[in-house]
PDB file of N, CA and C in Angstrom:
ATOM      1  N   MET A   1      94.321 119.392  95.901  1.00  0.00           N
ATOM      2  CA  MET A   1      93.374 118.997  96.929  1.00  0.00           C
ATOM      3  C   MET A   1      91.959 119.459  96.592  1.00  0.00           C
ATOM      4  N   ASN A   2      91.589 119.292  95.350  1.00  0.00           N
ATOM      5  CA  ASN A   2      90.238 119.639  94.915  1.00  0.00           C
ATOM      6  C   ASN A   2      89.238 118.595  95.378  1.00  0.00           C
ATOM      7  N   PRO A   3      87.954 118.965  95.431  1.00  0.00           N
ATOM      8  CA  PRO A   3      86.918 117.967  95.724  1.00  0.00           C
ATOM      9  C   PRO A   3      86.978 116.842  94.686  1.00  0.00           C
ATOM     10  N   ILE A   4      86.569 115.666  95.096  1.00  0.00           N
ATOM     11  CA  ILE A   4      86.696 114.474  94.249  1.00  0.00           C
ATOM     12  C   ILE A   4      85.999 114.643  92.900  1.00  0.00           C
ATOM     13  N   ASN A   5      84.876 115.350  92.867  1.00  0.00           N
ATOM     14  CA  ASN A   5      84.153 115.503  91.597  1.00  0.00           C
ATOM     15  C   ASN A   5      84.862 116.432  90.623  1.00  0.00           C
ATOM     16  N   LEU A   6      85.901 117.132  91.053  1.00  0.00           N
ATOM     17  CA  LEU A   6      86.678 118.012  90.171  1.00  0.00           C
ATOM     18  C   LEU A   6      88.033 117.431  89.800  1.00  0.00           C
ATOM     19  N   ARG A   7      88.351 116.273  90.306  1.00  0.00           N
ATOM     20  CA  ARG A   7      89.674 115.690  90.075  1.00  0.00           C
ATOM     21  C   ARG A   7      89.691 114.827  88.825  1.00  0.00           C
ATOM     22  N   GLN A   8      90.803 114.899  88.101  1.00  0.00           N
ATOM     23  CA  GLN A   8      90.999 114.068  86.920  1.00  0.00           C
ATOM     24  C   GLN A   8      91.324 112.628  87.281  1.00  0.00           C
ATOM     25  N   ASP A   9      91.838 112.406  88.482  1.00  0.00           N
ATOM     26  CA  ASP A   9      92.280 111.080  88.908  1.00  0.00           C
ATOM     27  C   ASP A   9      91.300 110.400  89.863  1.00  0.00           C
ATOM     28  N   ALA A  10      90.037 110.795  89.843  1.00  0.00           N
ATOM     29  CA  ALA A  10      89.046 110.232  90.762  1.00  0.00           C
ATOM     30  C   ALA A  10      88.942 108.716  90.624  1.00  0.00           C
ATOM     31  N   GLY A  11      88.948 108.208  89.409  1.00  0.00           N
ATOM     32  CA  GLY A  11      88.849 106.758  89.206  1.00  0.00           C
ATOM     33  C   GLY A  11      90.029 106.004  89.785  1.00  0.00           C
ATOM     34  N   ALA A  12      91.229 106.533  89.599  1.00  0.00           N
ATOM     35  CA  ALA A  12      92.427 105.887  90.147  1.00  0.00           C
ATOM     36  C   ALA A  12      92.427 105.945  91.666  1.00  0.00           C
ATOM     37  N   LEU A  13      92.003 107.067  92.234  1.00  0.00           N
ATOM     38  CA  LEU A  13      91.908 107.179  93.692  1.00  0.00           C
ATOM     39  C   LEU A  13      90.900 106.177  94.243  1.00  0.00           C
ATOM     40  N   TRP A  14      89.772 106.054  93.560  1.00  0.00           N
ATOM     41  CA  TRP A  14      88.724 105.115  93.971  1.00  0.00           C
ATOM     42  C   TRP A  14      89.256 103.681  93.960  1.00  0.00           C
ATOM     43  N   GLU A  15      89.928 103.307  92.885  1.00  0.00           N
ATOM     44  CA  GLU A  15      90.482 101.961  92.772  1.00  0.00           C
ATOM     45  C   GLU A  15      91.488 101.683  93.892  1.00  0.00           C
ATOM     46  N   ASN A  16      92.398 102.605  94.132  1.00  0.00           N
ATOM     47  CA  ASN A  16      93.388 102.421  95.197  1.00  0.00           C
ATOM     48  C   ASN A  16      92.736 102.319  96.565  1.00  0.00           C
ATOM     49  N   PHE A  17      91.728 103.143  96.813  1.00  0.00           N
ATOM     50  CA  PHE A  17      91.021 103.106  98.083  1.00  0.00           C
ATOM     51  C   PHE A  17      90.324 101.760  98.288  1.00  0.00           C
ATOM     52  N   MET A  18      89.625 101.292  97.264  1.00  0.00           N
ATOM     53  CA  MET A  18      88.909 100.023  97.387  1.00  0.00           C
ATOM     54  C   MET A  18      89.864  98.863  97.645  1.00  0.00           C
ATOM     55  N   ILE A  19      90.963  98.814  96.914  1.00  0.00           N
ATOM     56  CA  ILE A  19      91.913  97.719  97.083  1.00  0.00           C
ATOM     57  C   ILE A  19      92.539  97.760  98.470  1.00  0.00           C
ATOM     58  N   SER A  20      92.957  98.930  98.914  1.00  0.00           N
ATOM     59  CA  SER A  20      93.602  99.014 100.237  1.00  0.00           C
ATOM     60  C   SER A  20      92.620  98.663 101.350  1.00  0.00           C
ATOM     61  N   GLU A  21      91.370  99.081 101.231  1.00  0.00           N
ATOM     62  CA  GLU A  21      90.384  98.747 102.261  1.00  0.00           C
ATOM     63  C   GLU A  21      90.064  97.255 102.274  1.00  0.00           C
ATOM     64  N   ARG A  22      90.008  96.642 101.105  1.00  0.00           N
ATOM     65  CA  ARG A  22      89.737  95.201 101.044  1.00  0.00           C
ATOM     66  C   ARG A  22      90.894  94.402 101.633  1.00  0.00           C
ATOM     67  N   ILE A  23      92.118  94.808 101.317  1.00  0.00           N
ATOM     68  CA  ILE A  23      93.289  94.125 101.876  1.00  0.00           C
ATOM     69  C   ILE A  23      93.298  94.269 103.398  1.00  0.00           C
ATOM     70  N   LYS A  24      92.994  95.452 103.900  1.00  0.00           N
ATOM     71  CA  LYS A  24      92.934  95.654 105.359  1.00  0.00           C
ATOM     72  C   LYS A  24      91.867  94.765 105.983  1.00  0.00           C
ATOM     73  N   PHE A  25      90.689  94.704 105.353  1.00  0.00           N
ATOM     74  CA  PHE A  25      89.622  93.865 105.882  1.00  0.00           C
ATOM     75  C   PHE A  25      90.057  92.400 105.937  1.00  0.00           C
ATOM     76  N   ASN A  26      90.592  91.900 104.830  1.00  0.00           N
ATOM     77  CA  ASN A  26      91.021  90.498 104.800  1.00  0.00           C
ATOM     78  C   ASN A  26      92.087  90.223 105.855  1.00  0.00           C
ATOM     79  N   ASN A  27      93.051  91.121 106.006  1.00  0.00           N
ATOM     80  CA  ASN A  27      94.095  90.939 107.014  1.00  0.00           C
ATOM     81  C   ASN A  27      93.520  90.970 108.426  1.00  0.00           C
ATOM     82  N   ASN A  28      92.635  91.897 108.701  1.00  0.00           N
ATOM     83  CA  ASN A  28      92.035  92.005 110.039  1.00  0.00           C
ATOM     84  C   ASN A  28      91.183  90.797 110.390  1.00  0.00           C
ATOM     85  N   GLN A  29      90.619  90.146 109.376  1.00  0.00           N
ATOM     86  CA  GLN A  29      89.799  88.954 109.590  1.00  0.00           C
ATOM     87  C   GLN A  29      90.601  87.666 109.456  1.00  0.00           C
ATOM     88  N   SER A  30      91.912  87.795 109.258  1.00  0.00           N
ATOM     89  CA  SER A  30      92.809  86.645 109.046  1.00  0.00           C
ATOM     90  C   SER A  30      92.362  85.783 107.867  1.00  0.00           C
ATOM     91  N   ILE A  31      91.895  86.438 106.817  1.00  0.00           N
ATOM     92  CA  ILE A  31      91.508  85.763 105.582  1.00  0.00           C
ATOM     93  C   ILE A  31      92.691  85.878 104.634  1.00  0.00           C
ATOM     94  N   ASN A  32      93.277  84.766 104.294  1.00  0.00           N
ATOM     95  CA  ASN A  32      94.493  84.756 103.470  1.00  0.00           C
ATOM     96  C   ASN A  32      94.175  84.416 102.024  1.00  0.00           C
ATOM     97  N   LYS A  33      93.705  85.403 101.313  1.00  0.00           N
ATOM     98  CA  LYS A  33      93.398  85.215  99.895  1.00  0.00           C
ATOM     99  C   LYS A  33      94.603  85.633  99.068  1.00  0.00           C
ATOM    100  N   ASN A  34      94.804  84.944  97.950  1.00  0.00           N
ATOM    101  CA  ASN A  34      95.800  85.388  96.980  1.00  0.00           C
ATOM    102  C   ASN A  34      95.171  86.525  96.192  1.00  0.00           C
ATOM    103  N   ILE A  35      95.942  87.580  95.952  1.00  0.00           N
ATOM    104  CA  ILE A  35      95.402  88.714  95.211  1.00  0.00           C
ATOM    105  C   ILE A  35      96.220  88.935  93.940  1.00  0.00           C
ATOM    106  N   TYR A  36      95.497  89.355  92.886  1.00  0.00           N
ATOM    107  CA  TYR A  36      96.109  89.520  91.579  1.00  0.00           C
ATOM    108  C   TYR A  36      95.519  90.721  90.846  1.00  0.00           C
ATOM    109  N   PHE A  37      96.192  91.086  89.795  1.00  0.00           N
ATOM    110  CA  PHE A  37      95.750  92.065  88.806  1.00  0.00           C
ATOM    111  C   PHE A  37      95.875  91.349  87.466  1.00  0.00           C
ATOM    112  N   TRP A  38      94.952  91.583  86.550  1.00  0.00           N
ATOM    113  CA  TRP A  38      94.986  90.875  85.268  1.00  0.00           C
ATOM    114  C   TRP A  38      94.939  91.895  84.130  1.00  0.00           C
ATOM    115  N   ARG A  39      95.833  91.717  83.145  1.00  0.00           N
ATOM    116  CA  ARG A  39      95.836  92.587  81.966  1.00  0.00           C
ATOM    117  C   ARG A  39      96.383  91.818  80.774  1.00  0.00           C
ATOM    118  N   THR A  40      95.799  92.072  79.606  1.00  0.00           N
ATOM    119  CA  THR A  40      96.277  91.462  78.368  1.00  0.00           C
ATOM    120  C   THR A  40      97.325  92.363  77.725  1.00  0.00           C
ATOM    121  N   THR A  41      97.948  91.869  76.677  1.00  0.00           N
ATOM    122  CA  THR A  41      98.921  92.680  75.942  1.00  0.00           C
ATOM    123  C   THR A  41      98.243  93.832  75.205  1.00  0.00           C
ATOM    124  N   THR A  42      96.920  93.752  75.034  1.00  0.00           N
ATOM    125  CA  THR A  42      96.168  94.845  74.407  1.00  0.00           C
ATOM    126  C   THR A  42      95.508  95.750  75.453  1.00  0.00           C
ATOM    127  N   ASN A  43      95.946  95.613  76.697  1.00  0.00           N
ATOM    128  CA  ASN A  43      95.531  96.461  77.821  1.00  0.00           C
ATOM    129  C   ASN A  43      94.089  96.292  78.282  1.00  0.00           C
ATOM    130  N   LYS A  44      93.471  95.162  77.993  1.00  0.00           N
ATOM    131  CA  LYS A  44      92.208  94.826  78.646  1.00  0.00           C
ATOM    132  C   LYS A  44      92.578  94.396  80.053  1.00  0.00           C
ATOM    133  N   GLU A  45      91.802  94.837  81.049  1.00  0.00           N
ATOM    134  CA  GLU A  45      92.219  94.534  82.412  1.00  0.00           C
ATOM    135  C   GLU A  45      91.059  94.282  83.349  1.00  0.00           C
ATOM    136  N   ILE A  46      91.399  93.631  84.438  1.00  0.00           N
ATOM    137  CA  ILE A  46      90.533  93.469  85.598  1.00  0.00           C
ATOM    138  C   ILE A  46      91.285  94.115  86.755  1.00  0.00           C
ATOM    139  N   ASP A  47      90.604  94.968  87.502  1.00  0.00           N
ATOM    140  CA  ASP A  47      91.281  95.763  88.530  1.00  0.00           C
ATOM    141  C   ASP A  47      91.835  94.940  89.686  1.00  0.00           C
ATOM    142  N   TYR A  48      91.082  93.940  90.124  1.00  0.00           N
ATOM    143  CA  TYR A  48      91.476  93.231  91.348  1.00  0.00           C
ATOM    144  C   TYR A  48      90.869  91.837  91.330  1.00  0.00           C
ATOM    145  N   LEU A  49      91.687  90.849  91.666  1.00  0.00           N
ATOM    146  CA  LEU A  49      91.211  89.468  91.739  1.00  0.00           C
ATOM    147  C   LEU A  49      91.608  88.867  93.072  1.00  0.00           C
ATOM    148  N   GLU A  50      90.734  88.029  93.593  1.00  0.00           N
ATOM    149  CA  GLU A  50      91.024  87.267  94.799  1.00  0.00           C
ATOM    150  C   GLU A  50      90.843  85.786  94.483  1.00  0.00           C
ATOM    151  N   GLU A  51      91.730  84.978  95.038  1.00  0.00           N
ATOM    152  CA  GLU A  51      91.634  83.528  94.872  1.00  0.00           C
ATOM    153  C   GLU A  51      91.728  82.886  96.241  1.00  0.00           C
ATOM    154  N   LEU A  52      90.781  82.038  96.536  1.00  0.00           N
ATOM    155  CA  LEU A  52      90.773  81.303  97.795  1.00  0.00           C
ATOM    156  C   LEU A  52      90.247  79.901  97.522  1.00  0.00           C
ATOM    157  N   ASN A  53      91.035  78.907  97.883  1.00  0.00           N
ATOM    158  CA  ASN A  53      90.652  77.503  97.701  1.00  0.00           C
ATOM    159  C   ASN A  53      90.242  77.193  96.263  1.00  0.00           C
ATOM    160  N   GLY A  54      90.964  77.766  95.309  1.00  0.00           N
ATOM    161  CA  GLY A  54      90.707  77.496  93.907  1.00  0.00           C
ATOM    162  C   GLY A  54      89.585  78.302  93.288  1.00  0.00           C
ATOM    163  N   LYS A  55      88.885  79.124  94.070  1.00  0.00           N
ATOM    164  CA  LYS A  55      87.801  79.951  93.545  1.00  0.00           C
ATOM    165  C   LYS A  55      88.345  81.346  93.255  1.00  0.00           C
ATOM    166  N   LEU A  56      88.149  81.796  92.013  1.00  0.00           N
ATOM    167  CA  LEU A  56      88.637  83.093  91.567  1.00  0.00           C
ATOM    168  C   LEU A  56      87.468  84.067  91.471  1.00  0.00           C
ATOM    169  N   THR A  57      87.635  85.212  92.117  1.00  0.00           N
ATOM    170  CA  THR A  57      86.626  86.262  92.088  1.00  0.00           C
ATOM    171  C   THR A  57      87.280  87.540  91.604  1.00  0.00           C
ATOM    172  N   ALA A  58      86.686  88.174  90.598  1.00  0.00           N
ATOM    173  CA  ALA A  58      87.241  89.381  89.991  1.00  0.00           C
ATOM    174  C   ALA A  58      86.356  90.580  90.313  1.00  0.00           C
ATOM    175  N   PHE A  59      87.000  91.744  90.434  1.00  0.00           N
ATOM    176  CA  PHE A  59      86.289  92.979  90.757  1.00  0.00           C
ATOM    177  C   PHE A  59      86.769  94.101  89.860  1.00  0.00           C
ATOM    178  N   GLU A  60      85.815  94.868  89.365  1.00  0.00           N
ATOM    179  CA  GLU A  60      86.094  96.084  88.605  1.00  0.00           C
ATOM    180  C   GLU A  60      85.573  97.248  89.431  1.00  0.00           C
ATOM    181  N   PHE A  61      86.395  98.280  89.603  1.00  0.00           N
ATOM    182  CA  PHE A  61      86.029  99.451  90.390  1.00  0.00           C
ATOM    183  C   PHE A  61      85.713 100.606  89.450  1.00  0.00           C
ATOM    184  N   LYS A  62      84.532 101.167  89.598  1.00  0.00           N
ATOM    185  CA  LYS A  62      84.094 102.287  88.763  1.00  0.00           C
ATOM    186  C   LYS A  62      83.549 103.387  89.657  1.00  0.00           C
ATOM    187  N   TRP A  63      84.129 104.570  89.541  1.00  0.00           N
ATOM    188  CA  TRP A  63      83.708 105.701  90.357  1.00  0.00           C
ATOM    189  C   TRP A  63      82.313 106.182  89.961  1.00  0.00           C
ATOM    190  N   GLN A  64      82.025 106.263  88.660  1.00  0.00           N
ATOM    191  CA  GLN A  64      80.746 106.830  88.243  1.00  0.00           C
ATOM    192  C   GLN A  64      79.944 105.957  87.281  1.00  0.00           C
ATOM    193  N   LYS A  65      80.292 104.713  87.146  1.00  0.00           N
ATOM    194  CA  LYS A  65      79.555 103.860  86.202  1.00  0.00           C
ATOM    195  C   LYS A  65      78.765 102.797  86.951  1.00  0.00           C
ATOM    196  N   ASP A  66      77.637 102.430  86.343  1.00  0.00           N
ATOM    197  CA  ASP A  66      76.768 101.400  86.916  1.00  0.00           C
ATOM    198  C   ASP A  66      76.748 100.120  86.101  1.00  0.00           C
ATOM    199  N   LYS A  67      77.476 100.113  84.981  1.00  0.00           N
ATOM    200  CA  LYS A  67      77.494  98.931  84.122  1.00  0.00           C
ATOM    201  C   LYS A  67      78.912  98.392  84.025  1.00  0.00           C
ATOM    202  N   LEU A  68      78.991  97.094  83.936  1.00  0.00           N
ATOM    203  CA  LEU A  68      80.279  96.410  83.861  1.00  0.00           C
ATOM    204  C   LEU A  68      80.423  95.755  82.500  1.00  0.00           C
ATOM    205  N   LYS A  69      81.501  96.075  81.818  1.00  0.00           N
ATOM    206  CA  LYS A  69      81.825  95.400  80.556  1.00  0.00           C
ATOM    207  C   LYS A  69      82.900  94.358  80.872  1.00  0.00           C
ATOM    208  N   LYS A  70      82.527  93.098  80.755  1.00  0.00           N
ATOM    209  CA  LYS A  70      83.435  92.006  81.100  1.00  0.00           C
ATOM    210  C   LYS A  70      84.335  91.691  79.914  1.00  0.00           C
ATOM    211  N   PRO A  71      85.649  91.729  80.113  1.00  0.00           N
ATOM    212  CA  PRO A  71      86.564  91.417  79.006  1.00  0.00           C
ATOM    213  C   PRO A  71      86.379  89.983  78.511  1.00  0.00           C
ATOM    214  N   LYS A  72      86.149  89.841  77.215  1.00  0.00           N
ATOM    215  CA  LYS A  72      85.929  88.525  76.612  1.00  0.00           C
ATOM    216  C   LYS A  72      87.120  87.601  76.852  1.00  0.00           C
ATOM    217  N   ALA A  73      88.328  88.136  76.750  1.00  0.00           N
ATOM    218  CA  ALA A  73      89.527  87.312  76.952  1.00  0.00           C
ATOM    219  C   ALA A  73      89.587  86.756  78.370  1.00  0.00           C
ATOM    220  N   PHE A  74      89.160  87.534  79.347  1.00  0.00           N
ATOM    221  CA  PHE A  74      89.150  87.055  80.730  1.00  0.00           C
ATOM    222  C   PHE A  74      88.116  85.946  80.900  1.00  0.00           C
ATOM    223  N   LEU A  75      86.940  86.151  80.356  1.00  0.00           N
ATOM    224  CA  LEU A  75      85.884  85.139  80.469  1.00  0.00           C
ATOM    225  C   LEU A  75      86.284  83.830  79.795  1.00  0.00           C
ATOM    226  N   GLU A  76      87.006  83.925  78.687  1.00  0.00           N
ATOM    227  CA  GLU A  76      87.468  82.718  78.001  1.00  0.00           C
ATOM    228  C   GLU A  76      88.561  82.017  78.793  1.00  0.00           C
ATOM    229  N   ALA A  77      89.451  82.786  79.405  1.00  0.00           N
ATOM    230  CA  ALA A  77      90.557  82.192  80.161  1.00  0.00           C
ATOM    231  C   ALA A  77      90.109  81.641  81.512  1.00  0.00           C
ATOM    232  N   TYR A  78      89.107  82.274  82.114  1.00  0.00           N
ATOM    233  CA  TYR A  78      88.652  81.894  83.456  1.00  0.00           C
ATOM    234  C   TYR A  78      87.123  81.805  83.480  1.00  0.00           C
ATOM    235  N   PRO A  79      86.560  80.818  82.813  1.00  0.00           N
ATOM    236  CA  PRO A  79      85.097  80.746  82.689  1.00  0.00           C
ATOM    237  C   PRO A  79      84.368  80.543  84.014  1.00  0.00           C
ATOM    238  N   GLN A  80      85.023  80.008  85.016  1.00  0.00           N
ATOM    239  CA  GLN A  80      84.371  79.771  86.301  1.00  0.00           C
ATOM    240  C   GLN A  80      84.445  80.970  87.247  1.00  0.00           C
ATOM    241  N   ALA A  81      85.211  81.980  86.882  1.00  0.00           N
ATOM    242  CA  ALA A  81      85.392  83.142  87.756  1.00  0.00           C
ATOM    243  C   ALA A  81      84.128  83.998  87.803  1.00  0.00           C
ATOM    244  N   GLU A  82      83.885  84.558  88.969  1.00  0.00           N
ATOM    245  CA  GLU A  82      82.810  85.532  89.132  1.00  0.00           C
ATOM    246  C   GLU A  82      83.406  86.922  88.937  1.00  0.00           C
ATOM    247  N   ILE A  83      82.656  87.806  88.302  1.00  0.00           N
ATOM    248  CA  ILE A  83      83.106  89.188  88.105  1.00  0.00           C
ATOM    249  C   ILE A  83      82.033  90.114  88.657  1.00  0.00           C
ATOM    250  N   SER A  84      82.468  91.061  89.494  1.00  0.00           N
ATOM    251  CA  SER A  84      81.531  92.004  90.094  1.00  0.00           C
ATOM    252  C   SER A  84      81.992  93.433  89.896  1.00  0.00           C
ATOM    253  N   LEU A  85      81.031  94.328  89.824  1.00  0.00           N
ATOM    254  CA  LEU A  85      81.286  95.756  89.758  1.00  0.00           C
ATOM    255  C   LEU A  85      81.191  96.320  91.169  1.00  0.00           C
ATOM    256  N   VAL A  86      82.170  97.148  91.540  1.00  0.00           N
ATOM    257  CA  VAL A  86      82.140  97.843  92.821  1.00  0.00           C
ATOM    258  C   VAL A  86      82.108  99.335  92.499  1.00  0.00           C
ATOM    259  N   ASN A  87      81.048 100.002  92.964  1.00  0.00           N
ATOM    260  CA  ASN A  87      80.913 101.434  92.728  1.00  0.00           C
ATOM    261  C   ASN A  87      80.408 102.120  93.995  1.00  0.00           C
ATOM    262  N   GLN A  88      80.023 103.364  93.876  1.00  0.00           N
ATOM    263  CA  GLN A  88      79.589 104.131  95.043  1.00  0.00           C
ATOM    264  C   GLN A  88      78.333 103.558  95.697  1.00  0.00           C
ATOM    265  N   LYS A  89      77.556 102.816  94.943  1.00  0.00           N
ATOM    266  CA  LYS A  89      76.311 102.268  95.475  1.00  0.00           C
ATOM    267  C   LYS A  89      76.498 101.014  96.318  1.00  0.00           C
ATOM    268  N   ASN A  90      77.567 100.236  96.050  1.00  0.00           N
ATOM    269  CA  ASN A  90      77.697  98.948  96.741  1.00  0.00           C
ATOM    270  C   ASN A  90      79.047  98.717  97.405  1.00  0.00           C
ATOM    271  N   TYR A  91      79.875  99.739  97.494  1.00  0.00           N
ATOM    272  CA  TYR A  91      81.233  99.538  98.006  1.00  0.00           C
ATOM    273  C   TYR A  91      81.280  99.079  99.459  1.00  0.00           C
ATOM    274  N   LYS A  92      80.284  99.445 100.260  1.00  0.00           N
ATOM    275  CA  LYS A  92      80.321  99.062 101.683  1.00  0.00           C
ATOM    276  C   LYS A  92      80.305  97.535 101.832  1.00  0.00           C
ATOM    277  N   ASN A  93      79.567  96.850 100.982  1.00  0.00           N
ATOM    278  CA  ASN A  93      79.570  95.384 101.012  1.00  0.00           C
ATOM    279  C   ASN A  93      80.943  94.845 100.665  1.00  0.00           C
ATOM    280  N   PHE A  94      81.608  95.461  99.699  1.00  0.00           N
ATOM    281  CA  PHE A  94      82.928  94.991  99.275  1.00  0.00           C
ATOM    282  C   PHE A  94      83.966  95.163 100.381  1.00  0.00           C
ATOM    283  N   VAL A  95      84.014  96.325 101.009  1.00  0.00           N
ATOM    284  CA  VAL A  95      85.055  96.566 102.010  1.00  0.00           C
ATOM    285  C   VAL A  95      84.767  95.899 103.347  1.00  0.00           C
ATOM    286  N   SER A  96      83.543  95.419 103.537  1.00  0.00           N
ATOM    287  CA  SER A  96      83.227  94.730 104.786  1.00  0.00           C
ATOM    288  C   SER A  96      83.085  93.227 104.602  1.00  0.00           C
ATOM    289  N   GLY A  97      83.331  92.727 103.387  1.00  0.00           N
ATOM    290  CA  GLY A  97      83.322  91.298 103.137  1.00  0.00           C
ATOM    291  C   GLY A  97      81.963  90.676 102.959  1.00  0.00           C
ATOM    292  N   ASP A  98      80.917  91.480 102.859  1.00  0.00           N
ATOM    293  CA  ASP A  98      79.570  90.914 102.678  1.00  0.00           C
ATOM    294  C   ASP A  98      79.308  90.545 101.242  1.00  0.00           C
TER     295      ASP A  98
END
């Protein structure tokens, strides 16, 4: 039960928190999006994806980073998808649907 800045699993906790809050928001608003996780056989991944009416939106959760490195394989497979970074600076928009 150490403070978050001393924990080795801060990134995993952040990712789980963001996903659970987004799912709660969507459920409370009766928004029925399909949700996914994406990973290649070489372990390139996208943390969380939502699909609604054929539109795919991807999210990467970073506890302490401000830059997003978009996996080339994902961009090639889903060129129309939007990819966003969710971090401590902008998470309120993500969990409230803005």
